[in-house]
C-alpha atoms as a PDB file:
ATOM      1  CA  UNK A   1      -5.946  29.276 -11.743  1.00  0.00           C
ATOM      2  CA  UNK A   2      -5.755  25.623 -12.723  1.00  0.00           C
ATOM      3  CA  UNK A   3      -7.483  22.752 -10.961  1.00  0.00           C
ATOM      4  CA  UNK A   4      -4.156  21.398  -9.663  1.00  0.00           C
ATOM      5  CA  UNK A   5      -3.513  24.627  -7.758  1.00  0.00           C
ATOM      6  CA  UNK A   6      -6.779  24.226  -5.842  1.00  0.00           C
ATOM      7  CA  UNK A   7      -5.940  20.786  -4.444  1.00  0.00           C
ATOM      8  CA  UNK A   8      -4.677  20.862  -0.841  1.00  0.00           C
ATOM      9  CA  UNK A   9      -1.818  18.708   0.439  1.00  0.00           C
ATOM     10  CA  UNK A  10      -3.130  15.601   2.202  1.00  0.00           C
ATOM     11  CA  UNK A  11      -1.417  13.723   5.016  1.00  0.00           C
ATOM     12  CA  UNK A  12      -2.635  10.296   6.100  1.00  0.00           C
ATOM     13  CA  UNK A  13      -1.583   8.621   9.336  1.00  0.00           C
ATOM     14  CA  UNK A  14      -2.381   5.457  11.206  1.00  0.00           C
ATOM     15  CA  UNK A  15      -5.834   5.012  12.718  1.00  0.00           C
ATOM     16  CA  UNK A  16      -5.626   4.168  16.418  1.00  0.00           C
ATOM     17  CA  UNK A  17      -8.939   2.273  16.273  1.00  0.00           C
ATOM     18  CA  UNK A  18      -7.854   0.045  13.389  1.00  0.00           C
ATOM     19  CA  UNK A  19      -4.450  -0.598  14.945  1.00  0.00           C
ATOM     20  CA  UNK A  20      -6.122  -1.544  18.234  1.00  0.00           C
ATOM     21  CA  UNK A  21      -8.382  -3.954  16.346  1.00  0.00           C
ATOM     22  CA  UNK A  22      -5.362  -5.564  14.612  1.00  0.00           C
ATOM     23  CA  UNK A  23      -3.484  -5.683  17.923  1.00  0.00           C
ATOM     24  CA  UNK A  24      -6.422  -7.383  19.679  1.00  0.00           C
ATOM     25  CA  UNK A  25      -6.849  -9.941  16.896  1.00  0.00           C
ATOM     26  CA  UNK A  26      -3.148 -10.795  16.831  1.00  0.00           C
ATOM     27  CA  UNK A  27      -3.003 -11.043  20.621  1.00  0.00           C
ATOM     28  CA  UNK A  28      -6.010 -13.374  20.647  1.00  0.00           C
ATOM     29  CA  UNK A  29      -4.479 -15.630  17.975  1.00  0.00           C
ATOM     30  CA  UNK A  30      -1.128 -15.655  19.795  1.00  0.00           C
ATOM     31  CA  UNK A  31      -2.763 -16.731  23.034  1.00  0.00           C
ATOM     32  CA  UNK A  32      -4.872 -19.347  21.247  1.00  0.00           C
ATOM     33  CA  UNK A  33      -1.887 -20.907  19.463  1.00  0.00           C
ATOM     34  CA  UNK A  34       0.284 -20.822  22.591  1.00  0.00           C
ATOM     35  CA  UNK A  35      -2.511 -22.282  24.720  1.00  0.00           C
ATOM     36  CA  UNK A  36      -3.112 -25.126  22.287  1.00  0.00           C
ATOM     37  CA  UNK A  37       0.596 -25.868  21.976  1.00  0.00           C
ATOM     38  CA  UNK A  38       1.125 -26.086  25.722  1.00  0.00           C
ATOM     39  CA  UNK A  39      -2.046 -28.077  26.521  1.00  0.00           C
ATOM     40  CA  UNK A  40      -1.552 -30.476  23.602  1.00  0.00           C
ATOM     41  CA  UNK A  41       1.827 -31.520  24.910  1.00  0.00           C
ATOM     42  CA  UNK A  42       0.031 -33.368  27.680  1.00  0.00           C
ATOM     43  CA  UNK A  43      -2.675 -34.813  25.422  1.00  0.00           C
ATOM     44  CA  UNK A  44      -2.562 -38.011  23.478  1.00  0.00           C
ATOM     45  CA  UNK A  45      -3.322 -38.482  19.823  1.00  0.00           C
ATOM     46  CA  UNK A  46      -1.813 -35.156  18.785  1.00  0.00           C
ATOM     47  CA  UNK A  47       0.544 -35.334  15.844  1.00  0.00           C
ATOM     48  CA  UNK A  48       3.896 -33.638  15.750  1.00  0.00           C
ATOM     49  CA  UNK A  49       2.715 -31.537  12.793  1.00  0.00           C
ATOM     50  CA  UNK A  50      -0.219 -30.099  14.781  1.00  0.00           C
ATOM     51  CA  UNK A  51       2.036 -29.271  17.688  1.00  0.00           C
ATOM     52  CA  UNK A  52       4.621 -27.649  15.391  1.00  0.00           C
ATOM     53  CA  UNK A  53       1.895 -25.651  13.642  1.00  0.00           C
ATOM     54  CA  UNK A  54       0.744 -24.259  16.987  1.00  0.00           C
ATOM     55  CA  UNK A  55       4.300 -23.258  17.916  1.00  0.00           C
ATOM     56  CA  UNK A  56       4.847 -21.587  14.539  1.00  0.00           C
ATOM     57  CA  UNK A  57       1.482 -19.810  14.875  1.00  0.00           C
ATOM     58  CA  UNK A  58       2.350 -18.590  18.367  1.00  0.00           C
ATOM     59  CA  UNK A  59       5.681 -17.182  17.143  1.00  0.00           C
ATOM     60  CA  UNK A  60       4.181 -15.643  13.979  1.00  0.00           C
ATOM     61  CA  UNK A  61       1.223 -14.006  15.688  1.00  0.00           C
ATOM     62  CA  UNK A  62       3.433 -12.995  18.614  1.00  0.00           C
ATOM     63  CA  UNK A  63       5.711 -11.080  16.254  1.00  0.00           C
ATOM     64  CA  UNK A  64       2.680  -9.517  14.559  1.00  0.00           C
ATOM     65  CA  UNK A  65       1.370  -8.473  17.986  1.00  0.00           C
ATOM     66  CA  UNK A  66       4.708  -6.834  18.800  1.00  0.00           C
ATOM     67  CA  UNK A  67       4.653  -5.029  15.454  1.00  0.00           C
ATOM     68  CA  UNK A  68       1.144  -3.685  16.082  1.00  0.00           C
ATOM     69  CA  UNK A  69       2.148  -2.599  19.590  1.00  0.00           C
ATOM     70  CA  UNK A  70       5.165  -0.798  18.107  1.00  0.00           C
ATOM     71  CA  UNK A  71       2.953   0.935  15.544  1.00  0.00           C
ATOM     72  CA  UNK A  72       0.496   1.970  18.256  1.00  0.00           C
ATOM     73  CA  UNK A  73       3.238   3.615  20.282  1.00  0.00           C
ATOM     74  CA  UNK A  74       4.978   5.321  17.330  1.00  0.00           C
ATOM     75  CA  UNK A  75       1.952   6.185  15.163  1.00  0.00           C
ATOM     76  CA  UNK A  76       1.923   9.896  15.857  1.00  0.00           C
ATOM     77  CA  UNK A  77       3.182  11.090  12.492  1.00  0.00           C
ATOM     78  CA  UNK A  78       1.585  10.737   9.059  1.00  0.00           C
ATOM     79  CA  UNK A  79       2.980   8.062   6.758  1.00  0.00           C
ATOM     80  CA  UNK A  80       1.374   8.873   3.379  1.00  0.00           C
ATOM     81  CA  UNK A  81       1.622  12.322   1.808  1.00  0.00           C
ATOM     82  CA  UNK A  82      -0.376  13.241  -1.311  1.00  0.00           C
ATOM     83  CA  UNK A  83       0.467  16.548  -2.977  1.00  0.00           C
ATOM     84  CA  UNK A  84       0.056  18.182  -6.367  1.00  0.00           C
ATOM     85  CA  UNK A  85       3.597  17.034  -7.189  1.00  0.00           C
ATOM     86  CA  UNK A  86       3.265  13.369  -6.251  1.00  0.00           C
ATOM     87  CA  UNK A  87       2.725  10.763  -3.549  1.00  0.00           C
ATOM     88  CA  UNK A  88       5.124   9.702  -0.793  1.00  0.00           C
ATOM     89  CA  UNK A  89       4.657   6.654   1.394  1.00  0.00           C
ATOM     90  CA  UNK A  90       7.317   6.659   4.095  1.00  0.00           C
ATOM     91  CA  UNK A  91       6.750   2.942   4.635  1.00  0.00           C
ATOM     92  CA  UNK A  92       8.121   2.321   1.120  1.00  0.00           C
ATOM     93  CA  UNK A  93      10.708   5.037   0.567  1.00  0.00           C
ATOM     94  CA  UNK A  94      11.523   8.574   1.605  1.00  0.00           C
ATOM     95  CA  UNK A  95      11.250   9.823  -1.977  1.00  0.00           C
ATOM     96  CA  UNK A  96       8.186  11.351  -3.553  1.00  0.00           C
ATOM     97  CA  UNK A  97       6.865   9.527  -6.601  1.00  0.00           C
ATOM     98  CA  UNK A  98       6.004  12.228  -9.132  1.00  0.00           C
ATOM     99  CA  UNK A  99       2.606  11.973 -10.816  1.00  0.00           C
ATOM    100  CA  UNK A 100       4.370  12.274 -14.181  1.00  0.00           C
ATOM    101  CA  UNK A 101       6.143   8.949 -13.449  1.00  0.00           C
ATOM    102  CA  UNK A 102       2.853   7.153 -12.690  1.00  0.00           C
ATOM    103  CA  UNK A 103       1.426   5.410 -15.758  1.00  0.00           C
ATOM    104  CA  UNK A 104      -1.708   3.881 -14.253  1.00  0.00           C
ATOM    105  CA  UNK A 105      -3.494   3.594 -10.901  1.00  0.00           C
ATOM    106  CA  UNK A 106      -5.319   0.361 -10.109  1.00  0.00           C
ATOM    107  CA  UNK A 107      -7.167  -1.265  -7.246  1.00  0.00           C
ATOM    108  CA  UNK A 108      -5.730  -4.698  -6.515  1.00  0.00           C
ATOM    109  CA  UNK A 109      -7.794  -7.203  -4.576  1.00  0.00           C
ATOM    110  CA  UNK A 110      -6.373 -10.456  -3.244  1.00  0.00           C
ATOM    111  CA  UNK A 111      -9.040 -12.342  -1.297  1.00  0.00           C
ATOM    112  CA  UNK A 112     -10.241  -9.740   1.228  1.00  0.00           C
ATOM    113  CA  UNK A 113      -7.150  -7.511   1.137  1.00  0.00           C
ATOM    114  CA  UNK A 114      -7.395  -4.450  -1.107  1.00  0.00           C
ATOM    115  CA  UNK A 115      -4.592  -2.063  -1.971  1.00  0.00           C
ATOM    116  CA  UNK A 116      -3.779   0.688  -4.446  1.00  0.00           C
ATOM    117  CA  UNK A 117      -1.188  -0.209  -7.094  1.00  0.00           C
ATOM    118  CA  UNK A 118       0.737   2.526  -8.888  1.00  0.00           C
ATOM    119  CA  UNK A 119       2.127   1.408 -12.244  1.00  0.00           C
ATOM    120  CA  UNK A 120       5.264   3.521 -12.503  1.00  0.00           C
ATOM    121  CA  UNK A 121       8.392   3.816 -14.617  1.00  0.00           C
ATOM    122  CA  UNK A 122      10.724   0.822 -14.080  1.00  0.00           C
ATOM    123  CA  UNK A 123      13.465   2.914 -12.439  1.00  0.00           C
ATOM    124  CA  UNK A 124      11.025   4.341  -9.900  1.00  0.00           C
ATOM    125  CA  UNK A 125       9.636   0.873  -9.166  1.00  0.00           C
ATOM    126  CA  UNK A 126      13.130  -0.460  -8.448  1.00  0.00           C
ATOM    127  CA  UNK A 127      13.850   2.375  -6.023  1.00  0.00           C
ATOM    128  CA  UNK A 128      10.582   1.875  -4.146  1.00  0.00           C
ATOM    129  CA  UNK A 129      10.378  -1.909  -3.982  1.00  0.00           C
ATOM    130  CA  UNK A 130      13.968  -3.077  -4.305  1.00  0.00           C
ATOM    131  CA  UNK A 131      14.959  -2.225  -0.745  1.00  0.00           C
ATOM    132  CA  UNK A 132      13.383  -5.206   0.950  1.00  0.00           C
ATOM    133  CA  UNK A 133      13.331  -8.706  -0.482  1.00  0.00           C
ATOM    134  CA  UNK A 134      10.034  -9.491   1.240  1.00  0.00           C
ATOM    135  CA  UNK A 135       8.289  -6.515  -0.362  1.00  0.00           C
ATOM    136  CA  UNK A 136       9.490  -7.573  -3.813  1.00  0.00           C
ATOM    137  CA  UNK A 137       8.298 -11.139  -3.175  1.00  0.00           C
ATOM    138  CA  UNK A 138       4.943  -9.826  -1.929  1.00  0.00           C
ATOM    139  CA  UNK A 139       4.499  -7.781  -5.107  1.00  0.00           C
ATOM    140  CA  UNK A 140       5.147 -10.873  -7.223  1.00  0.00           C
ATOM    141  CA  UNK A 141       2.841 -13.043  -5.086  1.00  0.00           C
ATOM    142  CA  UNK A 142       0.003 -10.536  -5.393  1.00  0.00           C
ATOM    143  CA  UNK A 143       0.603 -10.225  -9.113  1.00  0.00           C
ATOM    144  CA  UNK A 144       1.014  -6.479  -8.731  1.00  0.00           C
ATOM    145  CA  UNK A 145       3.721  -5.157 -10.966  1.00  0.00           C
ATOM    146  CA  UNK A 146       4.193  -1.724  -9.481  1.00  0.00           C
ATOM    147  CA  UNK A 147       4.324   0.154  -6.203  1.00  0.00           C
ATOM    148  CA  UNK A 148       1.764  -1.025  -3.642  1.00  0.00           C
ATOM    149  CA  UNK A 149       0.242   1.536  -1.283  1.00  0.00           C
ATOM    150  CA  UNK A 150      -1.535  -0.433   1.415  1.00  0.00           C
ATOM    151  CA  UNK A 151      -4.294   1.400   3.296  1.00  0.00           C
ATOM    152  CA  UNK A 152      -4.519  -1.199   6.076  1.00  0.00           C
ATOM    153  CA  UNK A 153      -4.470   0.564   9.426  1.00  0.00           C
ATOM    154  CA  UNK A 154      -4.625   4.059   7.909  1.00  0.00           C
ATOM    155  CA  UNK A 155      -7.256   6.719   8.585  1.00  0.00           C
ATOM    156  CA  UNK A 156      -8.365   6.609   4.935  1.00  0.00           C
ATOM    157  CA  UNK A 157     -10.011   3.547   3.411  1.00  0.00           C
ATOM    158  CA  UNK A 158      -8.833   1.991   0.130  1.00  0.00           C
ATOM    159  CA  UNK A 159     -11.611   3.331  -2.107  1.00  0.00           C
ATOM    160  CA  UNK A 160     -11.134   6.909  -0.894  1.00  0.00           C
ATOM    161  CA  UNK A 161      -7.376   6.579  -1.292  1.00  0.00           C
ATOM    162  CA  UNK A 162      -7.837   5.310  -4.849  1.00  0.00           C
ATOM    163  CA  UNK A 163     -10.154   8.166  -5.813  1.00  0.00           C
ATOM    164  CA  UNK A 164      -7.872  10.742  -4.180  1.00  0.00           C
ATOM    165  CA  UNK A 165      -4.837   9.363  -6.015  1.00  0.00           C
ATOM    166  CA  UNK A 166      -6.693   9.419  -9.336  1.00  0.00           C
ATOM    167  CA  UNK A 167      -7.832  12.999  -8.758  1.00  0.00           C
ATOM    168  CA  UNK A 168      -4.325  14.232  -7.923  1.00  0.00           C
ATOM    169  CA  UNK A 169      -2.802  12.100 -10.705  1.00  0.00           C
ATOM    170  CA  UNK A 170      -5.140  13.663 -13.264  1.00  0.00           C
ATOM    171  CA  UNK A 171      -4.383  17.167 -12.041  1.00  0.00           C
ATOM    172  CA  UNK A 172      -0.640  16.654 -11.599  1.00  0.00           C
ATOM    173  CA  UNK A 173       0.200  15.221 -15.015  1.00  0.00           C
ATOM    174  CA  UNK A 174       0.992  17.416 -17.974  1.00  0.00           C
ATOM    175  CA  UNK A 175      -1.805  17.675 -20.506  1.00  0.00           C
ATOM    176  CA  UNK A 176      -1.368  15.272 -23.443  1.00  0.00           C
ATOM    177  CA  UNK A 177      -0.382  16.948 -26.678  1.00  0.00           C
ATOM    178  CA  UNK A 178      -2.789  16.288 -29.530  1.00  0.00           C
ATOM    179  CA  UNK A 179      -0.195  16.209 -32.291  1.00  0.00           C
ATOM    180  CA  UNK A 180      -2.289  14.360 -34.902  1.00  0.00           C
ATOM    181  CA  UNK A 181      -4.946  17.097 -34.712  1.00  0.00           C
ATOM    182  CA  UNK A 182      -2.358  19.826 -35.235  1.00  0.00           C
ATOM    183  CA  UNK A 183      -0.925  18.002 -38.263  1.00  0.00           C
ATOM    184  CA  UNK A 184      -4.424  17.502 -39.705  1.00  0.00           C
ATOM    185  CA  UNK A 185      -5.171  21.237 -39.314  1.00  0.00           C
ATOM    186  CA  UNK A 186      -1.938  22.158 -41.087  1.00  0.00           C
ATOM    187  CA  UNK A 187      -2.706  19.777 -43.962  1.00  0.00           C
ATOM    188  CA  UNK A 188      -6.196  21.253 -44.398  1.00  0.00           C
ATOM    189  CA  UNK A 189      -4.933  24.778 -45.065  1.00  0.00           C
ATOM    190  CA  UNK A 190      -4.795  25.666 -48.751  1.00  0.00           C
ATOM    191  CA  UNK A 191      -1.387  26.512 -50.152  1.00  0.00           C
ATOM    192  CA  UNK A 192      -1.104  29.717 -52.209  1.00  0.00           C
END
């Protein structure tokens, strides 16, 4: 029995505690921006830029609050599936990315945000990141040329996700063929 047959299928869902923390932070920032925007209208010495920034912040954080509330109410099912065959992140695509298509697994860190980057074949990368323009722009902005699996809000942290992916990737890929060794052994045999 090989090592890859011993690995169980893993399902990872959203963490209610983390989503509540994100929801609370976004709600607080929404209320702060809205409060400043509405009280500054009556004040003097406030520039139009500051007022506009507060309105934009209130709208941005308000939308983020709604998104976190939506995730809290619909976060009953797992979103990341890791199997011996490959990895599937339903937030990216409904298809499973086979471990044989993954060339490298990296940890990308941009300021305080960490994520797992899968360097995959170009055709697989187009299928997984070409669906949304914003996701493609985010990949370019982060400098990550591959498929990004973000662990933010999930029950598994980034380091554990990285190690799990590397373990399954190592077990799910075909063993490399050592052709130069086989040729060297054939050349070493004496000819009769």
